[in-house]
PDB file of N, CA and C in Angstrom:
ATOM      1  N   UNK A   1     -23.894  -0.879 -26.306  1.00  0.00           N
ATOM      2  CA  UNK A   1     -22.691  -1.061 -27.271  1.00  0.00           C
ATOM      3  C   UNK A   1     -21.798   0.343 -27.018  1.00  0.00           C
ATOM      4  N   UNK A   2     -22.429   1.441 -26.585  1.00  0.00           N
ATOM      5  CA  UNK A   2     -21.512   2.707 -26.656  1.00  0.00           C
ATOM      6  C   UNK A   2     -21.013   2.669 -25.263  1.00  0.00           C
ATOM      7  N   UNK A   3     -21.445   1.980 -24.054  1.00  0.00           N
ATOM      8  CA  UNK A   3     -21.202   2.049 -23.029  1.00  0.00           C
ATOM      9  C   UNK A   3     -19.804   0.776 -23.069  1.00  0.00           C
ATOM     10  N   UNK A   4     -19.758  -0.072 -23.534  1.00  0.00           N
ATOM     11  CA  UNK A   4     -18.837  -0.823 -24.074  1.00  0.00           C
ATOM     12  C   UNK A   4     -17.518  -0.268 -24.441  1.00  0.00           C
ATOM     13  N   UNK A   5     -17.866   0.694 -25.645  1.00  0.00           N
ATOM     14  CA  UNK A   5     -16.978   1.150 -26.556  1.00  0.00           C
ATOM     15  C   UNK A   5     -16.249   2.268 -25.431  1.00  0.00           C
ATOM     16  N   UNK A   6     -16.968   2.896 -24.872  1.00  0.00           N
ATOM     17  CA  UNK A   6     -16.572   3.918 -23.921  1.00  0.00           C
ATOM     18  C   UNK A   6     -15.680   3.395 -23.012  1.00  0.00           C
ATOM     19  N   UNK A   7     -16.075   2.179 -22.266  1.00  0.00           N
ATOM     20  CA  UNK A   7     -15.410   1.799 -21.228  1.00  0.00           C
ATOM     21  C   UNK A   7     -13.975   1.123 -21.879  1.00  0.00           C
ATOM     22  N   UNK A   8     -14.148   0.846 -22.947  1.00  0.00           N
ATOM     23  CA  UNK A   8     -12.696   0.387 -23.778  1.00  0.00           C
ATOM     24  C   UNK A   8     -11.994   1.223 -23.888  1.00  0.00           C
ATOM     25  N   UNK A   9     -12.255   2.512 -24.311  1.00  0.00           N
ATOM     26  CA  UNK A   9     -11.623   3.868 -24.528  1.00  0.00           C
ATOM     27  C   UNK A   9     -10.832   4.078 -23.650  1.00  0.00           C
ATOM     28  N   UNK A  10     -11.621   4.439 -22.302  1.00  0.00           N
ATOM     29  CA  UNK A  10     -11.107   5.084 -21.001  1.00  0.00           C
ATOM     30  C   UNK A  10     -10.073   3.856 -20.526  1.00  0.00           C
ATOM     31  N   UNK A  11     -10.229   2.627 -20.471  1.00  0.00           N
ATOM     32  CA  UNK A  11      -9.452   1.830 -20.031  1.00  0.00           C
ATOM     33  C   UNK A  11      -8.027   1.895 -20.731  1.00  0.00           C
ATOM     34  N   UNK A  12      -8.237   1.929 -21.956  1.00  0.00           N
ATOM     35  CA  UNK A  12      -6.932   1.847 -23.202  1.00  0.00           C
ATOM     36  C   UNK A  12      -6.192   3.253 -22.836  1.00  0.00           C
ATOM     37  N   UNK A  13      -6.888   4.222 -22.396  1.00  0.00           N
ATOM     38  CA  UNK A  13      -6.035   5.433 -22.124  1.00  0.00           C
ATOM     39  C   UNK A  13      -5.711   5.510 -21.063  1.00  0.00           C
ATOM     40  N   UNK A  14      -6.254   4.979 -19.778  1.00  0.00           N
ATOM     41  CA  UNK A  14      -5.757   4.842 -18.588  1.00  0.00           C
ATOM     42  C   UNK A  14      -4.266   3.693 -18.246  1.00  0.00           C
ATOM     43  N   UNK A  15      -4.555   2.724 -19.274  1.00  0.00           N
ATOM     44  CA  UNK A  15      -3.555   1.995 -19.028  1.00  0.00           C
ATOM     45  C   UNK A  15      -2.209   2.516 -19.813  1.00  0.00           C
ATOM     46  N   UNK A  16      -2.527   3.247 -21.109  1.00  0.00           N
ATOM     47  CA  UNK A  16      -1.414   4.054 -21.468  1.00  0.00           C
ATOM     48  C   UNK A  16      -0.724   4.890 -20.609  1.00  0.00           C
ATOM     49  N   UNK A  17      -1.509   5.695 -19.854  1.00  0.00           N
ATOM     50  CA  UNK A  17      -0.972   6.677 -18.790  1.00  0.00           C
ATOM     51  C   UNK A  17      -0.037   6.124 -17.867  1.00  0.00           C
ATOM     52  N   UNK A  18      -0.824   4.960 -17.243  1.00  0.00           N
ATOM     53  CA  UNK A  18      -0.050   4.030 -16.439  1.00  0.00           C
ATOM     54  C   UNK A  18       1.119   3.778 -16.618  1.00  0.00           C
ATOM     55  N   UNK A  19       1.268   3.324 -18.038  1.00  0.00           N
ATOM     56  CA  UNK A  19       2.517   2.709 -18.572  1.00  0.00           C
ATOM     57  C   UNK A  19       3.748   3.662 -18.483  1.00  0.00           C
ATOM     58  N   UNK A  20       3.098   4.917 -19.322  1.00  0.00           N
ATOM     59  CA  UNK A  20       3.992   6.061 -19.265  1.00  0.00           C
ATOM     60  C   UNK A  20       4.679   6.441 -18.146  1.00  0.00           C
ATOM     61  N   UNK A  21       3.633   6.812 -16.578  1.00  0.00           N
ATOM     62  CA  UNK A  21       3.982   6.733 -15.459  1.00  0.00           C
ATOM     63  C   UNK A  21       4.926   6.102 -15.000  1.00  0.00           C
ATOM     64  N   UNK A  22       4.954   4.470 -15.217  1.00  0.00           N
ATOM     65  CA  UNK A  22       5.602   3.429 -15.111  1.00  0.00           C
ATOM     66  C   UNK A  22       7.063   3.859 -15.592  1.00  0.00           C
ATOM     67  N   UNK A  23       6.897   4.109 -16.718  1.00  0.00           N
ATOM     68  CA  UNK A  23       8.149   4.222 -17.165  1.00  0.00           C
ATOM     69  C   UNK A  23       9.372   5.546 -16.983  1.00  0.00           C
ATOM     70  N   UNK A  24       8.268   6.531 -16.914  1.00  0.00           N
ATOM     71  CA  UNK A  24       8.880   8.083 -16.020  1.00  0.00           C
ATOM     72  C   UNK A  24       9.747   7.833 -15.017  1.00  0.00           C
ATOM     73  N   UNK A  25       9.073   6.820 -13.959  1.00  0.00           N
ATOM     74  CA  UNK A  25       9.505   6.655 -12.644  1.00  0.00           C
ATOM     75  C   UNK A  25      10.348   5.546 -12.475  1.00  0.00           C
ATOM     76  N   UNK A  26      10.010   4.620 -13.237  1.00  0.00           N
ATOM     77  CA  UNK A  26      10.807   3.519 -12.907  1.00  0.00           C
ATOM     78  C   UNK A  26      11.912   2.843 -13.796  1.00  0.00           C
ATOM     79  N   UNK A  27      12.062   3.501 -15.313  1.00  0.00           N
ATOM     80  CA  UNK A  27      12.787   2.722 -16.010  1.00  0.00           C
ATOM     81  C   UNK A  27      14.483   3.410 -15.796  1.00  0.00           C
ATOM     82  N   UNK A  28      15.066   2.859 -16.610  1.00  0.00           N
ATOM     83  CA  UNK A  28      16.502   3.442 -16.446  1.00  0.00           C
ATOM     84  C   UNK A  28      16.907   4.721 -17.297  1.00  0.00           C
ATOM     85  N   UNK A  29      17.791   5.408 -17.128  1.00  0.00           N
ATOM     86  CA  UNK A  29      18.391   6.323 -17.922  1.00  0.00           C
ATOM     87  C   UNK A  29      18.115   6.619 -19.525  1.00  0.00           C
ATOM     88  N   UNK A  30      18.194   5.370 -20.195  1.00  0.00           N
ATOM     89  CA  UNK A  30      18.385   5.294 -21.578  1.00  0.00           C
ATOM     90  C   UNK A  30      16.759   5.116 -21.949  1.00  0.00           C
ATOM     91  N   UNK A  31      16.054   4.473 -21.265  1.00  0.00           N
ATOM     92  CA  UNK A  31      14.745   4.225 -21.675  1.00  0.00           C
ATOM     93  C   UNK A  31      13.639   5.413 -21.279  1.00  0.00           C
ATOM     94  N   UNK A  32      14.264   6.337 -20.220  1.00  0.00           N
ATOM     95  CA  UNK A  32      13.745   7.429 -19.925  1.00  0.00           C
ATOM     96  C   UNK A  32      13.969   8.627 -21.187  1.00  0.00           C
ATOM     97  N   UNK A  33      15.027   8.380 -21.779  1.00  0.00           N
ATOM     98  CA  UNK A  33      15.567   9.501 -22.691  1.00  0.00           C
ATOM     99  C   UNK A  33      14.755   8.917 -24.188  1.00  0.00           C
ATOM    100  N   UNK A  34      14.710   7.857 -24.455  1.00  0.00           N
ATOM    101  CA  UNK A  34      13.853   7.261 -25.308  1.00  0.00           C
ATOM    102  C   UNK A  34      12.482   7.747 -25.284  1.00  0.00           C
ATOM    103  N   UNK A  35      11.814   7.587 -24.154  1.00  0.00           N
ATOM    104  CA  UNK A  35      10.599   8.096 -23.747  1.00  0.00           C
ATOM    105  C   UNK A  35      10.338   9.693 -23.949  1.00  0.00           C
ATOM    106  N   UNK A  36      11.157  10.471 -23.733  1.00  0.00           N
ATOM    107  CA  UNK A  36      11.037  11.863 -23.819  1.00  0.00           C
ATOM    108  C   UNK A  36      11.307  11.915 -25.556  1.00  0.00           C
ATOM    109  N   UNK A  37      11.841  11.152 -26.371  1.00  0.00           N
ATOM    110  CA  UNK A  37      12.003  11.410 -27.415  1.00  0.00           C
ATOM    111  C   UNK A  37      10.851  11.239 -28.477  1.00  0.00           C
ATOM    112  N   UNK A  38      10.256  10.130 -27.775  1.00  0.00           N
ATOM    113  CA  UNK A  38       8.753   9.729 -28.897  1.00  0.00           C
ATOM    114  C   UNK A  38       7.361  10.510 -27.808  1.00  0.00           C
ATOM    115  N   UNK A  39       7.411  10.525 -26.702  1.00  0.00           N
ATOM    116  CA  UNK A  39       6.057  11.055 -26.046  1.00  0.00           C
ATOM    117  C   UNK A  39       5.982  12.215 -25.789  1.00  0.00           C
ATOM    118  N   UNK A  40       6.839  13.062 -25.572  1.00  0.00           N
ATOM    119  CA  UNK A  40       6.903  14.441 -25.135  1.00  0.00           C
ATOM    120  C   UNK A  40       5.998  15.332 -26.574  1.00  0.00           C
ATOM    121  N   UNK A  41       6.591  14.941 -27.798  1.00  0.00           N
ATOM    122  CA  UNK A  41       5.974  15.458 -28.797  1.00  0.00           C
ATOM    123  C   UNK A  41       4.333  15.056 -29.043  1.00  0.00           C
ATOM    124  N   UNK A  42       4.008  13.663 -28.431  1.00  0.00           N
ATOM    125  CA  UNK A  42       2.769  13.157 -28.726  1.00  0.00           C
ATOM    126  C   UNK A  42       1.816  13.805 -27.710  1.00  0.00           C
ATOM    127  N   UNK A  43       2.400  14.082 -26.563  1.00  0.00           N
ATOM    128  CA  UNK A  43       1.609  14.548 -25.459  1.00  0.00           C
ATOM    129  C   UNK A  43       1.382  15.945 -25.634  1.00  0.00           C
ATOM    130  N   UNK A  44       2.624  16.902 -26.242  1.00  0.00           N
ATOM    131  CA  UNK A  44       2.251  18.192 -26.191  1.00  0.00           C
ATOM    132  C   UNK A  44       1.143  18.556 -27.468  1.00  0.00           C
ATOM    133  N   UNK A  45       1.116  17.565 -28.426  1.00  0.00           N
ATOM    134  CA  UNK A  45       0.221  17.684 -29.751  1.00  0.00           C
ATOM    135  C   UNK A  45      -1.243  17.492 -28.943  1.00  0.00           C
ATOM    136  N   UNK A  46      -1.357  16.299 -28.380  1.00  0.00           N
ATOM    137  CA  UNK A  46      -2.457  15.872 -27.619  1.00  0.00           C
ATOM    138  C   UNK A  46      -3.071  17.195 -26.563  1.00  0.00           C
ATOM    139  N   UNK A  47      -2.050  17.839 -26.026  1.00  0.00           N
ATOM    140  CA  UNK A  47      -2.834  18.973 -25.365  1.00  0.00           C
ATOM    141  C   UNK A  47      -3.367  20.110 -25.926  1.00  0.00           C
ATOM    142  N   UNK A  48      -2.259  20.342 -27.022  1.00  0.00           N
ATOM    143  CA  UNK A  48      -2.805  21.537 -28.092  1.00  0.00           C
ATOM    144  C   UNK A  48      -4.064  20.915 -28.557  1.00  0.00           C
ATOM    145  N   UNK A  49      -4.684  19.782 -29.062  1.00  0.00           N
ATOM    146  CA  UNK A  49      -5.793  19.676 -29.653  1.00  0.00           C
ATOM    147  C   UNK A  49      -6.760  19.725 -28.508  1.00  0.00           C
ATOM    148  N   UNK A  50      -6.647  19.462 -27.440  1.00  0.00           N
ATOM    149  CA  UNK A  50      -7.850  19.811 -26.378  1.00  0.00           C
ATOM    150  C   UNK A  50      -8.048  21.351 -26.309  1.00  0.00           C
ATOM    151  N   UNK A  51      -6.730  21.609 -26.110  1.00  0.00           N
ATOM    152  CA  UNK A  51      -7.191  23.693 -25.719  1.00  0.00           C
ATOM    153  C   UNK A  51      -7.365  23.931 -26.985  1.00  0.00           C
ATOM    154  N   UNK A  52      -7.440  23.678 -28.206  1.00  0.00           N
ATOM    155  CA  UNK A  52      -7.947  24.406 -29.578  1.00  0.00           C
ATOM    156  C   UNK A  52      -9.342  23.998 -29.333  1.00  0.00           C
ATOM    157  N   UNK A  53      -9.945  23.068 -29.131  1.00  0.00           N
ATOM    158  CA  UNK A  53     -11.360  22.676 -28.739  1.00  0.00           C
ATOM    159  C   UNK A  53     -11.738  23.678 -27.731  1.00  0.00           C
ATOM    160  N   UNK A  54     -11.068  24.038 -26.810  1.00  0.00           N
ATOM    161  CA  UNK A  54     -11.742  24.853 -25.988  1.00  0.00           C
ATOM    162  C   UNK A  54     -11.290  26.360 -25.921  1.00  0.00           C
ATOM    163  N   UNK A  55     -10.808  26.926 -27.225  1.00  0.00           N
ATOM    164  CA  UNK A  55     -10.482  28.089 -27.222  1.00  0.00           C
ATOM    165  C   UNK A  55     -11.872  29.045 -27.214  1.00  0.00           C
ATOM    166  N   UNK A  56     -11.897  30.242 -26.575  1.00  0.00           N
ATOM    167  CA  UNK A  56     -13.130  31.050 -26.578  1.00  0.00           C
ATOM    168  C   UNK A  56     -13.668  31.370 -27.717  1.00  0.00           C
ATOM    169  N   UNK A  57     -14.993  31.518 -27.673  1.00  0.00           N
ATOM    170  CA  UNK A  57     -15.720  32.147 -29.044  1.00  0.00           C
ATOM    171  C   UNK A  57     -15.852  33.630 -29.076  1.00  0.00           C
ATOM    172  N   UNK A  58     -16.325  34.251 -29.906  1.00  0.00           N
ATOM    173  CA  UNK A  58     -16.458  35.621 -30.147  1.00  0.00           C
ATOM    174  C   UNK A  58     -17.070  36.413 -28.879  1.00  0.00           C
ATOM    175  N   UNK A  59     -17.840  35.526 -27.696  1.00  0.00           N
ATOM    176  CA  UNK A  59     -18.144  36.208 -26.800  1.00  0.00           C
ATOM    177  C   UNK A  59     -17.260  35.792 -25.598  1.00  0.00           C
ATOM    178  N   UNK A  60     -16.193  35.337 -25.638  1.00  0.00           N
ATOM    179  CA  UNK A  60     -15.519  34.880 -24.560  1.00  0.00           C
ATOM    180  C   UNK A  60     -15.948  33.707 -23.992  1.00  0.00           C
ATOM    181  N   UNK A  61     -16.787  32.780 -24.467  1.00  0.00           N
ATOM    182  CA  UNK A  61     -17.046  31.555 -23.900  1.00  0.00           C
ATOM    183  C   UNK A  61     -16.602  30.253 -24.395  1.00  0.00           C
ATOM    184  N   UNK A  62     -16.348  29.228 -23.602  1.00  0.00           N
ATOM    185  CA  UNK A  62     -15.740  28.169 -24.026  1.00  0.00           C
ATOM    186  C   UNK A  62     -16.854  27.279 -25.043  1.00  0.00           C
ATOM    187  N   UNK A  63     -16.741  27.040 -26.095  1.00  0.00           N
ATOM    188  CA  UNK A  63     -17.738  26.159 -27.000  1.00  0.00           C
ATOM    189  C   UNK A  63     -18.116  24.855 -26.564  1.00  0.00           C
ATOM    190  N   UNK A  64     -16.857  24.211 -26.185  1.00  0.00           N
ATOM    191  CA  UNK A  64     -17.116  22.777 -25.394  1.00  0.00           C
ATOM    192  C   UNK A  64     -18.043  22.446 -24.130  1.00  0.00           C
ATOM    193  N   UNK A  65     -17.439  23.619 -23.205  1.00  0.00           N
ATOM    194  CA  UNK A  65     -18.231  23.440 -21.983  1.00  0.00           C
ATOM    195  C   UNK A  65     -19.184  23.960 -21.884  1.00  0.00           C
ATOM    196  N   UNK A  66     -19.819  24.573 -22.726  1.00  0.00           N
ATOM    197  CA  UNK A  66     -21.229  25.860 -22.800  1.00  0.00           C
ATOM    198  C   UNK A  66     -22.148  25.017 -23.298  1.00  0.00           C
ATOM    199  N   UNK A  67     -23.543  25.232 -23.022  1.00  0.00           N
ATOM    200  CA  UNK A  67     -24.390  24.902 -23.432  1.00  0.00           C
ATOM    201  C   UNK A  67     -25.505  26.275 -23.391  1.00  0.00           C
ATOM    202  N   UNK A  68     -26.566  25.950 -24.104  1.00  0.00           N
ATOM    203  CA  UNK A  68     -27.506  27.441 -24.207  1.00  0.00           C
ATOM    204  C   UNK A  68     -27.889  27.587 -22.837  1.00  0.00           C
ATOM    205  N   UNK A  69     -28.199  26.862 -21.744  1.00  0.00           N
ATOM    206  CA  UNK A  69     -28.539  27.324 -20.733  1.00  0.00           C
ATOM    207  C   UNK A  69     -27.253  27.407 -19.592  1.00  0.00           C
ATOM    208  N   UNK A  70     -26.097  27.085 -19.956  1.00  0.00           N
ATOM    209  CA  UNK A  70     -25.464  27.291 -19.038  1.00  0.00           C
ATOM    210  C   UNK A  70     -24.074  27.645 -19.841  1.00  0.00           C
ATOM    211  N   UNK A  71     -23.839  28.947 -20.129  1.00  0.00           N
ATOM    212  CA  UNK A  71     -22.605  29.382 -20.782  1.00  0.00           C
ATOM    213  C   UNK A  71     -21.179  29.033 -19.650  1.00  0.00           C
ATOM    214  N   UNK A  72     -19.947  28.870 -20.305  1.00  0.00           N
ATOM    215  CA  UNK A  72     -19.070  29.115 -19.583  1.00  0.00           C
ATOM    216  C   UNK A  72     -18.035  29.775 -20.139  1.00  0.00           C
ATOM    217  N   UNK A  73     -17.591  30.874 -19.085  1.00  0.00           N
ATOM    218  CA  UNK A  73     -16.670  32.035 -19.513  1.00  0.00           C
ATOM    219  C   UNK A  73     -15.256  31.265 -19.830  1.00  0.00           C
ATOM    220  N   UNK A  74     -14.538  31.820 -20.496  1.00  0.00           N
ATOM    221  CA  UNK A  74     -13.226  31.335 -20.519  1.00  0.00           C
ATOM    222  C   UNK A  74     -12.471  32.076 -19.733  1.00  0.00           C
ATOM    223  N   UNK A  75     -11.468  31.577 -18.791  1.00  0.00           N
ATOM    224  CA  UNK A  75     -10.802  30.315 -19.027  1.00  0.00           C
ATOM    225  C   UNK A  75     -11.832  29.036 -18.203  1.00  0.00           C
ATOM    226  N   UNK A  76     -11.976  28.147 -19.364  1.00  0.00           N
ATOM    227  CA  UNK A  76     -13.156  26.912 -18.598  1.00  0.00           C
ATOM    228  C   UNK A  76     -11.869  25.955 -17.933  1.00  0.00           C
ATOM    229  N   UNK A  77     -12.591  24.981 -17.134  1.00  0.00           N
ATOM    230  CA  UNK A  77     -11.724  24.150 -16.267  1.00  0.00           C
ATOM    231  C   UNK A  77     -10.348  23.577 -17.025  1.00  0.00           C
ATOM    232  N   UNK A  78     -10.606  23.405 -18.602  1.00  0.00           N
ATOM    233  CA  UNK A  78      -9.704  22.642 -19.106  1.00  0.00           C
ATOM    234  C   UNK A  78      -8.446  23.466 -19.163  1.00  0.00           C
ATOM    235  N   UNK A  79      -8.618  25.079 -19.502  1.00  0.00           N
ATOM    236  CA  UNK A  79      -7.518  25.810 -19.593  1.00  0.00           C
ATOM    237  C   UNK A  79      -7.059  25.774 -17.902  1.00  0.00           C
ATOM    238  N   UNK A  80      -7.687  26.013 -16.965  1.00  0.00           N
ATOM    239  CA  UNK A  80      -7.308  25.939 -15.670  1.00  0.00           C
ATOM    240  C   UNK A  80      -6.424  24.751 -15.290  1.00  0.00           C
ATOM    241  N   UNK A  81      -6.882  23.589 -15.586  1.00  0.00           N
ATOM    242  CA  UNK A  81      -6.111  22.391 -15.451  1.00  0.00           C
ATOM    243  C   UNK A  81      -5.028  22.406 -16.091  1.00  0.00           C
ATOM    244  N   UNK A  82      -4.737  22.661 -17.495  1.00  0.00           N
ATOM    245  CA  UNK A  82      -3.699  22.691 -18.086  1.00  0.00           C
ATOM    246  C   UNK A  82      -2.868  23.806 -17.657  1.00  0.00           C
ATOM    247  N   UNK A  83      -3.171  25.202 -17.029  1.00  0.00           N
ATOM    248  CA  UNK A  83      -2.385  25.789 -16.293  1.00  0.00           C
ATOM    249  C   UNK A  83      -1.605  25.336 -15.312  1.00  0.00           C
ATOM    250  N   UNK A  84      -2.561  24.519 -14.557  1.00  0.00           N
ATOM    251  CA  UNK A  84      -1.926  23.837 -13.206  1.00  0.00           C
ATOM    252  C   UNK A  84      -0.779  22.962 -13.315  1.00  0.00           C
ATOM    253  N   UNK A  85      -1.118  22.160 -14.298  1.00  0.00           N
ATOM    254  CA  UNK A  85      -0.330  21.178 -14.807  1.00  0.00           C
ATOM    255  C   UNK A  85       1.176  21.340 -15.587  1.00  0.00           C
ATOM    256  N   UNK A  86       0.784  22.172 -16.511  1.00  0.00           N
ATOM    257  CA  UNK A  86       1.932  22.459 -17.390  1.00  0.00           C
ATOM    258  C   UNK A  86       2.871  23.875 -16.779  1.00  0.00           C
ATOM    259  N   UNK A  87       2.090  24.615 -16.360  1.00  0.00           N
ATOM    260  CA  UNK A  87       2.864  26.066 -15.579  1.00  0.00           C
ATOM    261  C   UNK A  87       3.039  26.206 -14.248  1.00  0.00           C
ATOM    262  N   UNK A  88       1.798  25.800 -13.578  1.00  0.00           N
ATOM    263  CA  UNK A  88       1.892  25.670 -12.170  1.00  0.00           C
ATOM    264  C   UNK A  88       3.241  24.851 -11.198  1.00  0.00           C
ATOM    265  N   UNK A  89       3.189  23.823 -11.878  1.00  0.00           N
ATOM    266  CA  UNK A  89       3.847  22.722 -11.240  1.00  0.00           C
ATOM    267  C   UNK A  89       5.161  23.184 -11.489  1.00  0.00           C
ATOM    268  N   UNK A  90       6.190  23.189  -9.939  1.00  0.00           N
ATOM    269  CA  UNK A  90       7.369  23.182 -10.227  1.00  0.00           C
ATOM    270  C   UNK A  90       8.244  22.316 -10.349  1.00  0.00           C
ATOM    271  N   UNK A  91       7.788  21.067 -10.113  1.00  0.00           N
ATOM    272  CA  UNK A  91       8.499  19.928 -10.103  1.00  0.00           C
ATOM    273  C   UNK A  91       7.342  18.861 -10.869  1.00  0.00           C
ATOM    274  N   UNK A  92       8.083  17.613 -11.407  1.00  0.00           N
ATOM    275  CA  UNK A  92       7.320  16.791 -12.070  1.00  0.00           C
ATOM    276  C   UNK A  92       6.558  16.119 -10.683  1.00  0.00           C
ATOM    277  N   UNK A  93       5.353  15.482 -10.921  1.00  0.00           N
ATOM    278  CA  UNK A  93       5.052  14.563  -9.994  1.00  0.00           C
ATOM    279  C   UNK A  93       5.561  13.274  -9.448  1.00  0.00           C
ATOM    280  N   UNK A  94       5.380  13.317  -7.953  1.00  0.00           N
ATOM    281  CA  UNK A  94       6.330  12.117  -7.375  1.00  0.00           C
ATOM    282  C   UNK A  94       5.646  10.844  -8.125  1.00  0.00           C
ATOM    283  N   UNK A  95       5.940   9.714  -7.330  1.00  0.00           N
ATOM    284  CA  UNK A  95       5.749   8.784  -7.946  1.00  0.00           C
ATOM    285  C   UNK A  95       4.002   8.887  -6.941  1.00  0.00           C
ATOM    286  N   UNK A  96       3.072   8.361  -7.823  1.00  0.00           N
ATOM    287  CA  UNK A  96       1.771   8.460  -7.480  1.00  0.00           C
ATOM    288  C   UNK A  96       0.909   7.488  -8.243  1.00  0.00           C
ATOM    289  N   UNK A  97      -0.443   7.197  -7.587  1.00  0.00           N
ATOM    290  CA  UNK A  97      -1.155   5.891  -8.171  1.00  0.00           C
ATOM    291  C   UNK A  97      -1.878   6.849  -9.013  1.00  0.00           C
ATOM    292  N   UNK A  98      -2.297   6.199 -10.301  1.00  0.00           N
ATOM    293  CA  UNK A  98      -3.069   6.324 -11.300  1.00  0.00           C
ATOM    294  C   UNK A  98      -4.481   6.508 -10.803  1.00  0.00           C
ATOM    295  N   UNK A  99      -5.203   7.455 -11.826  1.00  0.00           N
ATOM    296  CA  UNK A  99      -6.835   7.991 -10.928  1.00  0.00           C
ATOM    297  C   UNK A  99      -7.519   6.759 -11.028  1.00  0.00           C
ATOM    298  N   UNK A 100      -7.382   5.646 -12.315  1.00  0.00           N
ATOM    299  CA  UNK A 100      -7.682   4.608 -12.484  1.00  0.00           C
ATOM    300  C   UNK A 100      -7.742   3.612 -11.226  1.00  0.00           C
ATOM    301  N   UNK A 101      -6.255   3.208 -10.680  1.00  0.00           N
ATOM    302  CA  UNK A 101      -6.255   2.495  -9.913  1.00  0.00           C
ATOM    303  C   UNK A 101      -6.906   3.296  -8.390  1.00  0.00           C
ATOM    304  N   UNK A 102      -6.668   4.374  -8.387  1.00  0.00           N
ATOM    305  CA  UNK A 102      -7.111   4.988  -7.287  1.00  0.00           C
ATOM    306  C   UNK A 102      -8.782   4.820  -6.932  1.00  0.00           C
ATOM    307  N   UNK A 103      -9.347   4.954  -8.072  1.00  0.00           N
ATOM    308  CA  UNK A 103     -10.883   4.619  -8.148  1.00  0.00           C
ATOM    309  C   UNK A 103     -11.216   3.056  -8.050  1.00  0.00           C
ATOM    310  N   UNK A 104     -10.599   2.368  -8.589  1.00  0.00           N
ATOM    311  CA  UNK A 104     -10.784   1.063  -8.823  1.00  0.00           C
ATOM    312  C   UNK A 104     -10.032   0.213  -7.403  1.00  0.00           C
ATOM    313  N   UNK A 105      -8.996   0.643  -6.963  1.00  0.00           N
ATOM    314  CA  UNK A 105      -8.294  -0.126  -5.902  1.00  0.00           C
ATOM    315  C   UNK A 105      -7.265  -1.081  -6.638  1.00  0.00           C
ATOM    316  N   UNK A 106      -7.128  -1.061  -7.898  1.00  0.00           N
ATOM    317  CA  UNK A 106      -6.063  -1.810  -8.184  1.00  0.00           C
ATOM    318  C   UNK A 106      -5.236  -1.571  -9.177  1.00  0.00           C
ATOM    319  N   UNK A 107      -4.254  -1.862  -9.120  1.00  0.00           N
ATOM    320  CA  UNK A 107      -2.937  -0.999 -10.245  1.00  0.00           C
ATOM    321  C   UNK A 107      -3.435  -1.543 -11.705  1.00  0.00           C
ATOM    322  N   UNK A 108      -3.346  -0.686 -12.557  1.00  0.00           N
ATOM    323  CA  UNK A 108      -3.247  -1.090 -14.002  1.00  0.00           C
ATOM    324  C   UNK A 108      -2.065  -0.732 -14.714  1.00  0.00           C
ATOM    325  N   UNK A 109      -1.091  -0.606 -13.958  1.00  0.00           N
ATOM    326  CA  UNK A 109       0.319  -0.366 -14.564  1.00  0.00           C
ATOM    327  C   UNK A 109       1.107  -1.761 -15.259  1.00  0.00           C
ATOM    328  N   UNK A 110       1.308  -1.605 -16.529  1.00  0.00           N
ATOM    329  CA  UNK A 110       1.847  -2.605 -17.115  1.00  0.00           C
ATOM    330  C   UNK A 110       3.346  -2.748 -16.811  1.00  0.00           C
ATOM    331  N   UNK A 111       3.675  -4.049 -16.793  1.00  0.00           N
ATOM    332  CA  UNK A 111       5.045  -4.728 -15.938  1.00  0.00           C
ATOM    333  C   UNK A 111       6.017  -4.546 -17.044  1.00  0.00           C
ATOM    334  N   UNK A 112       7.182  -4.098 -16.773  1.00  0.00           N
ATOM    335  CA  UNK A 112       8.372  -4.005 -17.717  1.00  0.00           C
ATOM    336  C   UNK A 112       9.341  -5.432 -17.766  1.00  0.00           C
ATOM    337  N   UNK A 113       9.404  -5.650 -18.777  1.00  0.00           N
ATOM    338  CA  UNK A 113      10.209  -7.290 -18.896  1.00  0.00           C
ATOM    339  C   UNK A 113      11.731  -7.016 -19.526  1.00  0.00           C
ATOM    340  N   UNK A 114      12.619  -7.183 -19.077  1.00  0.00           N
ATOM    341  CA  UNK A 114      13.844  -7.390 -19.526  1.00  0.00           C
ATOM    342  C   UNK A 114      13.775  -8.280 -20.602  1.00  0.00           C
ATOM    343  N   UNK A 115      14.687  -7.700 -21.837  1.00  0.00           N
ATOM    344  CA  UNK A 115      14.638  -8.298 -22.946  1.00  0.00           C
ATOM    345  C   UNK A 115      16.222  -8.791 -23.251  1.00  0.00           C
TER     346      UNK A 115
END
C-alpha cells in the first residue's frame, strides 16, 4: 500500500510540474502572468520549507541528509541544487522534457484546452 501511495504522490507532483512547464513555455502572455501571480508564491514557499528542513544543526550537519553512520556536512545536496537553480541559472530553462517523461519515455504534460 505504501508503494502505491508513493507512486501516486510522485505521479501527481510530476504531473503538476509538467503542467506548469507547459503553461510557462507555451501559454499566452495573460496566462503566464496569471501563472506568475499564483504559482511563484507557492513555489518559493515550497523551496523555503524544504530548505528549512535542511538547515545545519549545531555541528554544521544537515539533519535530513545525515545518519549516525554517515553525517553530511552543510551545505547538503539540497542546498547545492537550490543554489544551482535559483542563483546559478542566468536564464530560465529552455523547453525541456520533464524528468518523469525522460525516465518513462512518455510525456505526462497536461493539454491546454481553449475555453
